[in-house]
Amino acid sequence: MTESANGVATPTPITGVFTVESVVELLNTVDAADVRTTIGDLEQTLAILKPAADARDALAYVDPVLLRAALRIRRRRSVQCDGAS
């Protein structure tokens, strides 16, 4: 990459002769990077969602009276925090 006068990075031109196979390899490299990025993003999302799913599973076993009390406390705390801003 080179930087233009306005500070925007522009690709450095590659000189040489391309063959069909070399272009196929370039496309494969880009595609593989896209797949790795997608997989990495999904792994990060899963890391965030897994504890939430585990918590939902655990909440299924909480006594409903206790759950309602906890929800009221949580709502009250949320209102208090919103009011303090």
Protein backbone atom coordinates (compact mmCIF):
# COMPACT_ATOMS: atom_id res chain seq x y z
CA MET A 1 0.00 0.00 0.00
CA THR A 2 1.08 3.51 -0.71
CA GLU A 3 -0.34 6.70 0.73
CA SER A 4 -1.66 9.31 -1.67
CA ALA A 5 -1.43 13.06 -1.17
CA ASN A 6 -4.83 13.10 0.58
CA GLY A 7 -3.71 10.42 3.07
CA VAL A 8 -5.75 7.58 1.57
CA ALA A 9 -4.00 4.23 1.22
CA THR A 10 -3.98 2.90 -2.31
CA PRO A 11 -2.85 -0.53 -3.44
CA THR A 12 0.68 -0.78 -4.77
CA PRO A 13 0.46 -1.97 -8.37
CA ILE A 14 1.92 -5.41 -8.99
CA THR A 15 3.89 -5.60 -12.16
CA GLY A 16 4.51 -8.80 -14.01
CA VAL A 17 2.69 -11.37 -16.00
CA PHE A 18 -0.30 -13.06 -14.49
CA THR A 19 -1.39 -16.48 -15.57
CA VAL A 20 -4.85 -17.89 -15.15
CA GLU A 21 -3.52 -20.15 -12.39
CA SER A 22 -1.83 -17.30 -10.53
CA VAL A 23 -5.09 -15.35 -10.58
CA VAL A 24 -6.96 -18.45 -9.36
CA GLU A 25 -4.50 -18.64 -6.46
CA LEU A 26 -5.00 -14.97 -5.65
CA LEU A 27 -8.78 -15.50 -5.63
CA ASN A 28 -8.39 -18.58 -3.42
CA THR A 29 -6.27 -16.57 -0.97
CA VAL A 30 -8.91 -13.85 -0.73
CA ASP A 31 -11.68 -16.42 -0.36
CA ALA A 32 -9.82 -18.29 2.39
CA ALA A 33 -9.28 -15.05 4.29
CA ASP A 34 -13.00 -14.27 4.04
CA VAL A 35 -13.89 -17.72 5.40
CA ARG A 36 -11.39 -17.43 8.26
CA THR A 37 -12.74 -14.00 9.14
CA THR A 38 -16.32 -15.29 9.10
CA ILE A 39 -15.40 -18.26 11.28
CA GLY A 40 -13.55 -15.97 13.69
CA ASP A 41 -16.56 -13.66 13.91
CA LEU A 42 -18.87 -16.60 14.57
CA GLU A 43 -16.57 -17.94 17.28
CA GLN A 44 -16.59 -14.54 19.00
CA THR A 45 -20.37 -14.37 18.77
CA LEU A 46 -20.68 -17.87 20.18
CA ALA A 47 -18.39 -16.94 23.08
CA ILE A 48 -20.80 -14.11 23.92
CA LEU A 49 -24.01 -16.11 23.43
CA LYS A 50 -22.98 -19.34 25.20
CA PRO A 51 -23.03 -17.90 28.75
CA ALA A 52 -26.42 -16.30 28.01
CA ALA A 53 -27.80 -19.63 26.80
CA ASP A 54 -26.43 -21.35 29.90
CA ALA A 55 -28.04 -18.68 32.09
CA ARG A 56 -31.41 -19.18 30.36
CA ASP A 57 -31.16 -22.91 30.93
CA ALA A 58 -30.42 -22.36 34.62
CA LEU A 59 -33.31 -19.88 34.97
CA ALA A 60 -35.71 -22.64 33.93
CA TYR A 61 -35.03 -24.25 37.34
CA VAL A 62 -35.47 -21.10 39.45
CA ASP A 63 -38.57 -20.93 41.61
CA PRO A 64 -41.06 -18.53 39.95
CA VAL A 65 -41.50 -16.50 43.15
CA LEU A 66 -37.75 -16.02 43.43
CA LEU A 67 -37.52 -15.14 39.74
CA ARG A 68 -40.24 -12.46 40.05
CA ALA A 69 -38.47 -10.96 43.07
CA ALA A 70 -35.18 -10.87 41.19
CA LEU A 71 -36.84 -9.24 38.18
CA ARG A 72 -38.37 -6.54 40.39
CA ILE A 73 -34.99 -5.79 41.99
CA ARG A 74 -33.31 -5.71 38.60
CA ARG A 75 -35.96 -3.32 37.22
CA ARG A 76 -35.63 -1.06 40.28
CA ARG A 77 -31.83 -0.94 39.89
CA SER A 78 -32.19 -0.16 36.20
CA VAL A 79 -34.54 2.74 36.93
CA GLN A 80 -32.18 4.07 39.60
CA CYS A 81 -29.24 3.93 37.18
CA ASP A 82 -31.24 5.61 34.42
CA GLY A 83 -32.29 8.36 36.80
CA ALA A 84 -28.71 9.01 37.91
CA SER A 85 -27.54 9.84 34.36
